[in-house]
Amino acid sequence: MIVAAGSGTRFGGAKQFLPLGNRRVVDWSIETASQVADGVVVVVAPDMTDFVGGGVDSVVTGGNTRSESVRAGLDAVPDSASIVLVHDAARPMASLELYASVIEAVEAGADAVVPGIPISICAGSLRFVDRADLDLSVRFMDVERDVPRGGATPRDLDRAKLDTVACAFADGDRPVGISDRDA
């Protein structure tokens, strides 16, 4: 799923539809996602419903918030999908290796994976939570827990645990694994 419904308020416009090289930013994200996924759903703002992009299986309208947009996109993902990748359209340089690393982490047993990007200045840090009460397995992949990381996309979820993970996020806990690859 490529989430492209943002308004780009801080940037001054919807950056995901601006040109980057010979195509739009979102098109770069779609190209990479289509190489690793069985299908690509793009979530757009209501005024972009005429979105046309190669490699896209479905285009849906997002909500007022990112979480509403992701939920709208998930509704378009076939129930048969066992793994769901969620990627920001405005982050066009995610590599095939990065996608592979988050997929591998879910296949190895993690319920959710967020690529971790080393950062030199950190206003806070990721909080690691044991959620045995929710029967969630969390896999930390060769990452030093005291090294600050910024979260990146694509994020990856085991479809069978999706609702449980969403509930944990709503509770304020973040039960995720970290993929320590280039982002």
N, C-alpha and C. Protein backbone atom coordinates (compact mmCIF):
# COMPACT_ATOMS: atom_id res chain seq x y z
N MET A 1 0.84 -1.17 0.00
CA MET A 1 0.00 0.00 0.00
C MET A 1 0.89 1.24 0.00
N ILE A 2 0.61 2.15 -0.90
CA ILE A 2 1.31 3.43 -0.97
C ILE A 2 0.33 4.49 -0.49
N VAL A 3 0.67 5.17 0.61
CA VAL A 3 -0.20 6.21 1.15
C VAL A 3 0.23 7.54 0.55
N ALA A 4 -0.67 8.11 -0.27
CA ALA A 4 -0.38 9.35 -0.99
C ALA A 4 -1.49 10.38 -0.77
N ALA A 5 -2.14 10.31 0.40
CA ALA A 5 -3.30 11.16 0.66
C ALA A 5 -2.95 12.43 1.42
N GLY A 6 -1.68 12.61 1.77
CA GLY A 6 -1.29 13.78 2.56
C GLY A 6 -1.41 15.08 1.79
N SER A 7 -1.69 16.15 2.53
CA SER A 7 -1.87 17.46 1.90
C SER A 7 -0.55 18.21 1.77
N GLY A 8 0.49 17.79 2.50
CA GLY A 8 1.79 18.47 2.41
C GLY A 8 1.76 19.86 3.01
N THR A 9 0.99 20.06 4.07
CA THR A 9 0.84 21.39 4.67
C THR A 9 2.18 22.00 5.06
N ARG A 10 3.02 21.24 5.74
CA ARG A 10 4.32 21.78 6.16
C ARG A 10 5.22 22.07 4.97
N PHE A 11 5.10 21.28 3.92
CA PHE A 11 5.94 21.43 2.73
C PHE A 11 5.43 22.56 1.84
N GLY A 12 4.13 22.79 1.87
CA GLY A 12 3.54 23.81 1.01
C GLY A 12 2.76 23.24 -0.15
N GLY A 13 2.50 21.97 -0.14
CA GLY A 13 1.75 21.30 -1.20
C GLY A 13 2.01 19.80 -1.17
N ALA A 14 1.25 19.08 -1.96
CA ALA A 14 1.35 17.62 -2.01
C ALA A 14 2.63 17.20 -2.74
N LYS A 15 3.71 17.07 -2.00
CA LYS A 15 5.03 16.77 -2.59
C LYS A 15 5.07 15.44 -3.31
N GLN A 16 4.20 14.51 -2.93
CA GLN A 16 4.20 13.19 -3.56
C GLN A 16 3.82 13.23 -5.03
N PHE A 17 3.22 14.33 -5.49
CA PHE A 17 2.83 14.43 -6.90
C PHE A 17 3.72 15.40 -7.69
N LEU A 18 4.77 15.90 -7.06
CA LEU A 18 5.70 16.77 -7.76
C LEU A 18 6.67 15.93 -8.60
N PRO A 19 7.25 16.54 -9.63
CA PRO A 19 8.21 15.79 -10.45
C PRO A 19 9.53 15.56 -9.72
N LEU A 20 10.07 14.37 -9.93
CA LEU A 20 11.40 14.02 -9.44
C LEU A 20 12.06 13.27 -10.58
N GLY A 21 13.00 13.92 -11.23
CA GLY A 21 13.58 13.32 -12.44
C GLY A 21 12.54 13.31 -13.53
N ASN A 22 12.32 12.15 -14.12
CA ASN A 22 11.42 12.06 -15.27
C ASN A 22 10.00 11.60 -14.90
N ARG A 23 9.67 11.59 -13.61
CA ARG A 23 8.31 11.20 -13.19
C ARG A 23 7.97 11.81 -11.83
N ARG A 24 6.77 11.54 -11.35
CA ARG A 24 6.35 12.08 -10.06
C ARG A 24 6.98 11.28 -8.92
N VAL A 25 7.10 11.90 -7.76
CA VAL A 25 7.65 11.24 -6.58
C VAL A 25 6.90 9.93 -6.31
N VAL A 26 5.57 9.96 -6.34
CA VAL A 26 4.77 8.77 -6.05
C VAL A 26 5.07 7.63 -7.03
N ASP A 27 5.38 7.95 -8.25
CA ASP A 27 5.65 6.92 -9.26
C ASP A 27 6.91 6.11 -8.92
N TRP A 28 7.90 6.76 -8.32
CA TRP A 28 9.10 6.04 -7.89
C TRP A 28 8.73 5.03 -6.79
N SER A 29 7.89 5.46 -5.85
CA SER A 29 7.46 4.56 -4.76
C SER A 29 6.66 3.39 -5.30
N ILE A 30 5.79 3.66 -6.25
CA ILE A 30 4.96 2.60 -6.85
C ILE A 30 5.83 1.59 -7.59
N GLU A 31 6.81 2.08 -8.34
CA GLU A 31 7.67 1.18 -9.11
C GLU A 31 8.37 0.16 -8.21
N THR A 32 8.94 0.64 -7.11
CA THR A 32 9.64 -0.28 -6.22
C THR A 32 8.66 -1.24 -5.55
N ALA A 33 7.55 -0.73 -5.06
CA ALA A 33 6.56 -1.58 -4.38
C ALA A 33 6.04 -2.66 -5.32
N SER A 34 5.82 -2.31 -6.57
CA SER A 34 5.27 -3.28 -7.51
C SER A 34 6.25 -4.41 -7.83
N GLN A 35 7.54 -4.19 -7.55
CA GLN A 35 8.53 -5.24 -7.78
C GLN A 35 8.59 -6.27 -6.65
N VAL A 36 8.03 -5.92 -5.47
CA VAL A 36 8.11 -6.85 -4.34
C VAL A 36 6.74 -7.33 -3.86
N ALA A 37 5.67 -6.71 -4.34
CA ALA A 37 4.33 -7.04 -3.86
C ALA A 37 3.49 -7.68 -4.96
N ASP A 38 2.52 -8.48 -4.54
CA ASP A 38 1.60 -9.10 -5.50
C ASP A 38 0.58 -8.11 -6.03
N GLY A 39 0.40 -7.00 -5.33
CA GLY A 39 -0.54 -5.97 -5.75
C GLY A 39 -0.20 -4.67 -5.06
N VAL A 40 -0.59 -3.55 -5.68
CA VAL A 40 -0.31 -2.23 -5.11
C VAL A 40 -1.62 -1.45 -5.02
N VAL A 41 -1.92 -1.00 -3.80
CA VAL A 41 -3.06 -0.12 -3.54
C VAL A 41 -2.49 1.26 -3.26
N VAL A 42 -3.02 2.29 -3.91
CA VAL A 42 -2.60 3.66 -3.65
C VAL A 42 -3.76 4.38 -2.99
N VAL A 43 -3.47 5.05 -1.88
CA VAL A 43 -4.47 5.81 -1.14
C VAL A 43 -4.22 7.29 -1.45
N VAL A 44 -5.25 7.98 -1.95
CA VAL A 44 -5.12 9.38 -2.35
C VAL A 44 -6.14 10.25 -1.64
N ALA A 45 -5.94 11.55 -1.70
CA ALA A 45 -6.89 12.51 -1.16
C ALA A 45 -8.15 12.53 -2.04
N PRO A 46 -9.28 12.97 -1.47
CA PRO A 46 -10.53 12.98 -2.25
C PRO A 46 -10.45 13.73 -3.57
N ASP A 47 -9.62 14.76 -3.65
CA ASP A 47 -9.51 15.53 -4.90
C ASP A 47 -8.55 14.89 -5.91
N MET A 48 -8.00 13.72 -5.58
CA MET A 48 -7.07 13.04 -6.48
C MET A 48 -7.63 11.70 -6.95
N THR A 49 -8.94 11.52 -6.93
CA THR A 49 -9.52 10.22 -7.28
C THR A 49 -9.29 9.83 -8.74
N ASP A 50 -8.88 10.77 -9.57
CA ASP A 50 -8.58 10.45 -10.96
C ASP A 50 -7.11 10.05 -11.14
N PHE A 51 -6.44 9.76 -10.02
CA PHE A 51 -5.05 9.34 -10.04
C PHE A 51 -4.85 8.20 -11.03
N VAL A 52 -3.84 8.32 -11.84
CA VAL A 52 -3.50 7.24 -12.78
C VAL A 52 -2.02 6.97 -12.61
N GLY A 53 -1.69 5.71 -12.42
CA GLY A 53 -0.29 5.35 -12.28
C GLY A 53 -0.07 3.92 -12.72
N GLY A 54 1.02 3.68 -13.42
CA GLY A 54 1.35 2.32 -13.81
C GLY A 54 1.70 1.47 -12.61
N GLY A 55 1.38 0.19 -12.67
CA GLY A 55 1.70 -0.72 -11.59
C GLY A 55 0.74 -0.67 -10.42
N VAL A 56 -0.38 0.04 -10.57
CA VAL A 56 -1.36 0.19 -9.49
C VAL A 56 -2.55 -0.72 -9.75
N ASP A 57 -2.93 -1.49 -8.74
CA ASP A 57 -4.07 -2.38 -8.85
C ASP A 57 -5.36 -1.73 -8.38
N SER A 58 -5.25 -0.79 -7.43
CA SER A 58 -6.44 -0.17 -6.87
C SER A 58 -6.08 1.22 -6.35
N VAL A 59 -7.00 2.17 -6.53
CA VAL A 59 -6.85 3.51 -5.99
C VAL A 59 -8.05 3.77 -5.10
N VAL A 60 -7.80 4.17 -3.85
CA VAL A 60 -8.88 4.44 -2.91
C VAL A 60 -8.70 5.81 -2.29
N THR A 61 -9.79 6.37 -1.80
CA THR A 61 -9.77 7.67 -1.14
C THR A 61 -9.41 7.51 0.32
N GLY A 62 -8.48 8.33 0.78
CA GLY A 62 -8.05 8.30 2.17
C GLY A 62 -8.98 9.08 3.07
N GLY A 63 -8.59 9.18 4.34
CA GLY A 63 -9.39 9.88 5.33
C GLY A 63 -8.76 11.20 5.74
N ASN A 64 -9.24 11.73 6.87
CA ASN A 64 -8.75 13.02 7.37
C ASN A 64 -7.41 12.90 8.08
N THR A 65 -7.04 11.70 8.48
CA THR A 65 -5.76 11.47 9.16
C THR A 65 -5.03 10.35 8.46
N ARG A 66 -3.74 10.22 8.78
CA ARG A 66 -2.96 9.13 8.19
C ARG A 66 -3.55 7.78 8.57
N SER A 67 -3.93 7.60 9.83
CA SER A 67 -4.47 6.30 10.24
C SER A 67 -5.78 5.99 9.52
N GLU A 68 -6.61 6.99 9.28
CA GLU A 68 -7.84 6.75 8.51
C GLU A 68 -7.51 6.38 7.07
N SER A 69 -6.49 6.99 6.52
CA SER A 69 -6.07 6.67 5.15
C SER A 69 -5.53 5.25 5.06
N VAL A 70 -4.72 4.85 6.04
CA VAL A 70 -4.20 3.48 6.05
C VAL A 70 -5.34 2.48 6.17
N ARG A 71 -6.31 2.76 7.04
CA ARG A 71 -7.47 1.87 7.18
C ARG A 71 -8.23 1.76 5.85
N ALA A 72 -8.41 2.88 5.15
CA ALA A 72 -9.09 2.85 3.86
C ALA A 72 -8.31 1.98 2.87
N GLY A 73 -7.00 2.10 2.88
CA GLY A 73 -6.17 1.28 2.00
C GLY A 73 -6.26 -0.19 2.36
N LEU A 74 -6.26 -0.49 3.65
CA LEU A 74 -6.35 -1.88 4.09
C LEU A 74 -7.65 -2.53 3.64
N ASP A 75 -8.72 -1.74 3.59
CA ASP A 75 -10.00 -2.28 3.12
C ASP A 75 -9.92 -2.75 1.67
N ALA A 76 -8.96 -2.19 0.91
CA ALA A 76 -8.81 -2.56 -0.50
C ALA A 76 -7.81 -3.70 -0.70
N VAL A 77 -7.08 -4.06 0.34
CA VAL A 77 -6.12 -5.16 0.25
C VAL A 77 -6.89 -6.48 0.35
N PRO A 78 -6.65 -7.40 -0.56
CA PRO A 78 -7.37 -8.68 -0.50
C PRO A 78 -7.14 -9.40 0.83
N ASP A 79 -8.18 -10.06 1.33
CA ASP A 79 -8.07 -10.83 2.57
C ASP A 79 -7.01 -11.92 2.47
N SER A 80 -6.71 -12.37 1.26
CA SER A 80 -5.72 -13.43 1.07
C SER A 80 -4.29 -12.94 1.28
N ALA A 81 -4.07 -11.63 1.36
CA ALA A 81 -2.72 -11.10 1.57
C ALA A 81 -2.26 -11.42 2.99
N SER A 82 -1.15 -12.12 3.12
CA SER A 82 -0.66 -12.50 4.44
C SER A 82 0.27 -11.46 5.04
N ILE A 83 0.88 -10.64 4.20
CA ILE A 83 1.77 -9.57 4.64
C ILE A 83 1.34 -8.29 3.93
N VAL A 84 1.28 -7.20 4.69
CA VAL A 84 0.91 -5.90 4.12
C VAL A 84 2.04 -4.92 4.37
N LEU A 85 2.55 -4.33 3.30
CA LEU A 85 3.56 -3.28 3.38
C LEU A 85 2.85 -1.94 3.29
N VAL A 86 3.19 -1.00 4.17
CA VAL A 86 2.61 0.34 4.13
C VAL A 86 3.77 1.31 3.92
N HIS A 87 3.72 2.07 2.83
CA HIS A 87 4.83 2.96 2.48
C HIS A 87 4.31 4.35 2.16
N ASP A 88 5.08 5.37 2.55
CA ASP A 88 4.74 6.76 2.24
C ASP A 88 5.13 7.09 0.81
N ALA A 89 4.19 7.64 0.06
CA ALA A 89 4.46 8.01 -1.33
C ALA A 89 5.58 9.04 -1.42
N ALA A 90 5.73 9.86 -0.40
CA ALA A 90 6.72 10.94 -0.44
C ALA A 90 8.13 10.48 -0.08
N ARG A 91 8.33 9.18 0.03
CA ARG A 91 9.66 8.63 0.32
C ARG A 91 10.06 7.69 -0.83
N PRO A 92 10.49 8.28 -1.94
CA PRO A 92 10.68 7.51 -3.17
C PRO A 92 11.95 6.67 -3.24
N MET A 93 12.85 6.80 -2.29
CA MET A 93 14.14 6.13 -2.43
C MET A 93 14.27 4.84 -1.61
N ALA A 94 13.18 4.29 -1.13
CA ALA A 94 13.26 3.00 -0.43
C ALA A 94 13.74 1.95 -1.43
N SER A 95 14.76 1.22 -1.05
CA SER A 95 15.38 0.25 -1.96
C SER A 95 14.66 -1.10 -1.91
N LEU A 96 14.91 -1.91 -2.92
CA LEU A 96 14.39 -3.27 -2.92
C LEU A 96 14.94 -4.04 -1.72
N GLU A 97 16.18 -3.77 -1.34
CA GLU A 97 16.78 -4.43 -0.19
C GLU A 97 16.06 -4.06 1.10
N LEU A 98 15.65 -2.81 1.21
CA LEU A 98 14.91 -2.38 2.40
C LEU A 98 13.57 -3.09 2.47
N TYR A 99 12.85 -3.12 1.36
CA TYR A 99 11.59 -3.86 1.33
C TYR A 99 11.81 -5.32 1.72
N ALA A 100 12.85 -5.94 1.16
CA ALA A 100 13.12 -7.35 1.45
C ALA A 100 13.40 -7.55 2.94
N SER A 101 14.11 -6.62 3.56
CA SER A 101 14.45 -6.79 4.98
C SER A 101 13.22 -6.75 5.87
N VAL A 102 12.25 -5.89 5.56
CA VAL A 102 11.05 -5.85 6.41
C VAL A 102 10.16 -7.06 6.14
N ILE A 103 10.11 -7.52 4.91
CA ILE A 103 9.34 -8.73 4.60
C ILE A 103 9.96 -9.93 5.31
N GLU A 104 11.28 -10.05 5.25
CA GLU A 104 11.98 -11.15 5.91
C GLU A 104 11.71 -11.17 7.40
N ALA A 105 11.65 -9.99 8.03
CA ALA A 105 11.42 -9.92 9.47
C ALA A 105 10.03 -10.44 9.84
N VAL A 106 9.03 -10.11 9.03
CA VAL A 106 7.69 -10.62 9.30
C VAL A 106 7.65 -12.12 9.05
N GLU A 107 8.27 -12.57 7.97
CA GLU A 107 8.31 -14.00 7.69
C GLU A 107 9.03 -14.77 8.81
N ALA A 108 9.95 -14.10 9.50
CA ALA A 108 10.68 -14.73 10.61
C ALA A 108 9.91 -14.69 11.92
N GLY A 109 8.75 -14.02 11.93
CA GLY A 109 7.91 -14.06 13.12
C GLY A 109 7.52 -12.73 13.73
N ALA A 110 8.06 -11.61 13.28
CA ALA A 110 7.66 -10.32 13.83
C ALA A 110 6.24 -9.98 13.37
N ASP A 111 5.48 -9.36 14.24
CA ASP A 111 4.13 -8.94 13.88
C ASP A 111 4.14 -7.64 13.08
N ALA A 112 5.10 -6.78 13.38
CA ALA A 112 5.22 -5.50 12.68
C ALA A 112 6.69 -5.12 12.66
N VAL A 113 7.10 -4.44 11.60
CA VAL A 113 8.49 -4.03 11.43
C VAL A 113 8.52 -2.60 10.94
N VAL A 114 9.39 -1.79 11.53
CA VAL A 114 9.62 -0.42 11.08
C VAL A 114 11.11 -0.30 10.78
N PRO A 115 11.48 0.10 9.57
CA PRO A 115 12.90 0.30 9.29
C PRO A 115 13.47 1.37 10.22
N GLY A 116 14.62 1.10 10.79
CA GLY A 116 15.27 2.05 11.69
C GLY A 116 16.40 2.77 11.00
N ILE A 117 16.37 4.08 11.06
CA ILE A 117 17.40 4.91 10.45
C ILE A 117 18.24 5.53 11.55
N PRO A 118 19.56 5.29 11.58
CA PRO A 118 20.38 5.96 12.59
C PRO A 118 20.27 7.47 12.46
N ILE A 119 20.14 8.13 13.59
CA ILE A 119 20.07 9.59 13.57
C ILE A 119 21.07 10.13 14.58
N SER A 120 21.58 11.33 14.32
CA SER A 120 22.60 11.87 15.21
C SER A 120 22.00 12.71 16.33
N ILE A 121 20.82 13.25 16.14
CA ILE A 121 20.17 14.04 17.16
C ILE A 121 18.79 13.44 17.37
N CYS A 122 18.43 13.22 18.60
CA CYS A 122 17.15 12.57 18.88
C CYS A 122 16.43 13.29 20.01
N ALA A 123 15.21 13.74 19.75
CA ALA A 123 14.41 14.38 20.78
C ALA A 123 13.78 13.35 21.69
N GLY A 124 13.72 12.13 21.29
CA GLY A 124 13.13 11.05 22.07
C GLY A 124 13.67 9.75 21.54
N SER A 125 13.17 8.65 22.04
CA SER A 125 13.60 7.37 21.51
C SER A 125 12.43 6.42 21.45
N LEU A 126 12.57 5.37 20.67
CA LEU A 126 11.52 4.37 20.58
C LEU A 126 11.39 3.66 21.92
N ARG A 127 10.17 3.38 22.32
CA ARG A 127 9.91 2.66 23.56
C ARG A 127 9.54 1.24 23.21
N PHE A 128 10.24 0.29 23.78
CA PHE A 128 9.99 -1.11 23.50
C PHE A 128 9.07 -1.67 24.58
N VAL A 129 8.02 -2.32 24.17
CA VAL A 129 6.99 -2.77 25.09
C VAL A 129 6.75 -4.27 24.92
N ASP A 130 6.69 -4.97 26.05
CA ASP A 130 6.33 -6.38 26.03
C ASP A 130 4.81 -6.47 26.10
N ARG A 131 4.18 -7.00 25.06
CA ARG A 131 2.72 -7.10 25.03
C ARG A 131 2.30 -8.56 24.98
N ALA A 132 2.78 -9.35 25.93
CA ALA A 132 2.40 -10.76 25.98
C ALA A 132 0.90 -10.91 26.14
N ASP A 133 0.25 -9.92 26.79
CA ASP A 133 -1.20 -9.98 26.97
C ASP A 133 -1.95 -9.94 25.65
N LEU A 134 -1.30 -9.44 24.60
CA LEU A 134 -1.92 -9.40 23.28
C LEU A 134 -1.40 -10.50 22.37
N ASP A 135 -0.56 -11.38 22.89
CA ASP A 135 0.02 -12.47 22.12
C ASP A 135 0.75 -11.95 20.88
N LEU A 136 1.57 -10.94 21.08
CA LEU A 136 2.35 -10.38 19.98
C LEU A 136 3.81 -10.78 20.13
N SER A 137 4.39 -11.25 19.06
CA SER A 137 5.83 -11.51 19.09
C SER A 137 6.53 -10.30 18.50
N VAL A 138 7.58 -9.86 19.15
CA VAL A 138 8.35 -8.71 18.69
C VAL A 138 9.76 -9.18 18.44
N ARG A 139 10.28 -8.88 17.28
CA ARG A 139 11.63 -9.32 16.93
C ARG A 139 12.50 -8.09 16.71
N PHE A 140 13.58 -7.99 17.47
CA PHE A 140 14.53 -6.92 17.29
C PHE A 140 15.73 -7.49 16.56
N MET A 141 16.06 -6.92 15.43
CA MET A 141 17.01 -7.53 14.51
C MET A 141 18.38 -6.86 14.58
N ASP A 142 19.27 -7.39 15.40
CA ASP A 142 20.65 -6.91 15.48
C ASP A 142 20.73 -5.39 15.61
N VAL A 143 19.90 -4.83 16.44
CA VAL A 143 19.90 -3.39 16.65
C VAL A 143 20.20 -3.13 18.12
N GLU A 144 21.18 -2.26 18.38
CA GLU A 144 21.46 -1.89 19.76
C GLU A 144 20.31 -1.05 20.27
N ARG A 145 19.73 -1.44 21.40
CA ARG A 145 18.54 -0.78 21.89
C ARG A 145 18.82 0.63 22.40
N ASP A 146 20.07 0.96 22.70
CA ASP A 146 20.36 2.29 23.20
C ASP A 146 20.76 3.27 22.09
N VAL A 147 20.74 2.82 20.85
CA VAL A 147 21.07 3.68 19.72
C VAL A 147 19.77 4.27 19.18
N PRO A 148 19.63 5.59 19.19
CA PRO A 148 18.40 6.19 18.67
C PRO A 148 18.19 5.86 17.20
N ARG A 149 16.95 5.64 16.82
CA ARG A 149 16.59 5.35 15.44
C ARG A 149 15.37 6.19 15.09
N GLY A 150 15.32 6.64 13.87
CA GLY A 150 14.12 7.27 13.36
C GLY A 150 13.34 6.22 12.60
N GLY A 151 12.03 6.30 12.62
CA GLY A 151 11.20 5.34 11.90
C GLY A 151 11.07 5.73 10.44
N ALA A 152 11.06 4.75 9.56
CA ALA A 152 10.95 4.98 8.13
C ALA A 152 9.86 4.08 7.55
N THR A 153 9.68 4.13 6.26
CA THR A 153 8.78 3.21 5.57
C THR A 153 9.58 2.53 4.47
N PRO A 154 9.18 1.35 3.98
CA PRO A 154 7.88 0.73 4.20
C PRO A 154 7.80 0.04 5.54
N ARG A 155 6.65 0.11 6.14
CA ARG A 155 6.35 -0.65 7.35
C ARG A 155 5.66 -1.91 6.91
N ASP A 156 5.81 -2.95 7.69
CA ASP A 156 5.34 -4.25 7.26
C ASP A 156 4.56 -4.91 8.38
N LEU A 157 3.43 -5.50 8.04
CA LEU A 157 2.58 -6.11 9.04
C LEU A 157 2.15 -7.50 8.63
N ASP A 158 2.12 -8.40 9.60
CA ASP A 158 1.53 -9.72 9.40
C ASP A 158 0.02 -9.52 9.39
N ARG A 159 -0.64 -9.85 8.30
CA ARG A 159 -2.06 -9.56 8.14
C ARG A 159 -2.91 -10.18 9.24
N ALA A 160 -2.56 -11.38 9.70
CA ALA A 160 -3.36 -12.06 10.71
C ALA A 160 -3.34 -11.32 12.05
N LYS A 161 -2.30 -10.54 12.30
CA LYS A 161 -2.17 -9.81 13.57
C LYS A 161 -2.54 -8.33 13.44
N LEU A 162 -2.97 -7.91 12.26
CA LEU A 162 -3.15 -6.50 11.97
C LEU A 162 -4.07 -5.80 12.96
N ASP A 163 -5.24 -6.35 13.24
CA ASP A 163 -6.17 -5.69 14.15
C ASP A 163 -5.60 -5.62 15.56
N THR A 164 -4.90 -6.65 16.00
CA THR A 164 -4.30 -6.65 17.33
C THR A 164 -3.23 -5.58 17.42
N VAL A 165 -2.39 -5.48 16.39
CA VAL A 165 -1.35 -4.47 16.37
C VAL A 165 -1.97 -3.08 16.36
N ALA A 166 -3.02 -2.87 15.57
CA ALA A 166 -3.67 -1.58 15.50
C ALA A 166 -4.22 -1.19 16.87
N CYS A 167 -4.77 -2.14 17.60
CA CYS A 167 -5.28 -1.87 18.95
C CYS A 167 -4.14 -1.48 19.89
N ALA A 168 -3.01 -2.15 19.79
CA ALA A 168 -1.87 -1.83 20.64
C ALA A 168 -1.36 -0.43 20.34
N PHE A 169 -1.34 -0.04 19.06
CA PHE A 169 -0.93 1.31 18.70
C PHE A 169 -1.90 2.32 19.27
N ALA A 170 -3.19 2.04 19.21
CA ALA A 170 -4.19 2.94 19.74
C ALA A 170 -4.05 3.10 21.25
N ASP A 171 -3.56 2.06 21.94
CA ASP A 171 -3.34 2.11 23.38
C ASP A 171 -2.09 2.92 23.74
N GLY A 172 -1.30 3.32 22.75
CA GLY A 172 -0.11 4.11 23.01
C GLY A 172 1.17 3.29 23.06
N ASP A 173 1.08 1.98 22.95
CA ASP A 173 2.27 1.14 22.92
C ASP A 173 2.68 0.94 21.47
N ARG A 174 3.95 0.68 21.24
CA ARG A 174 4.46 0.50 19.89
C ARG A 174 5.20 -0.82 19.79
N PRO A 175 4.49 -1.96 19.67
CA PRO A 175 5.18 -3.25 19.61
C PRO A 175 5.69 -3.55 18.21
N VAL A 176 6.89 -3.10 17.92
CA VAL A 176 7.42 -3.24 16.57
C VAL A 176 8.83 -3.81 16.59
N GLY A 177 9.22 -4.43 15.50
CA GLY A 177 10.60 -4.80 15.28
C GLY A 177 11.25 -3.71 14.45
N ILE A 178 12.56 -3.68 14.43
CA ILE A 178 13.27 -2.67 13.65
C ILE A 178 14.16 -3.36 12.65
N SER A 179 14.06 -2.97 11.40
CA SER A 179 14.93 -3.46 10.36
C SER A 179 16.06 -2.47 10.20
N ASP A 180 17.30 -2.93 10.36
CA ASP A 180 18.45 -2.02 10.38
C ASP A 180 19.11 -1.96 9.01
N ARG A 181 18.33 -1.73 7.97
CA ARG A 181 18.85 -1.61 6.61
C ARG A 181 18.80 -0.16 6.17
N ASP A 182 19.38 0.12 5.01
CA ASP A 182 19.34 1.47 4.48
C ASP A 182 17.90 1.87 4.24
N ALA A 183 17.60 3.10 4.48
CA ALA A 183 16.23 3.58 4.25
C ALA A 183 16.29 4.72 3.34
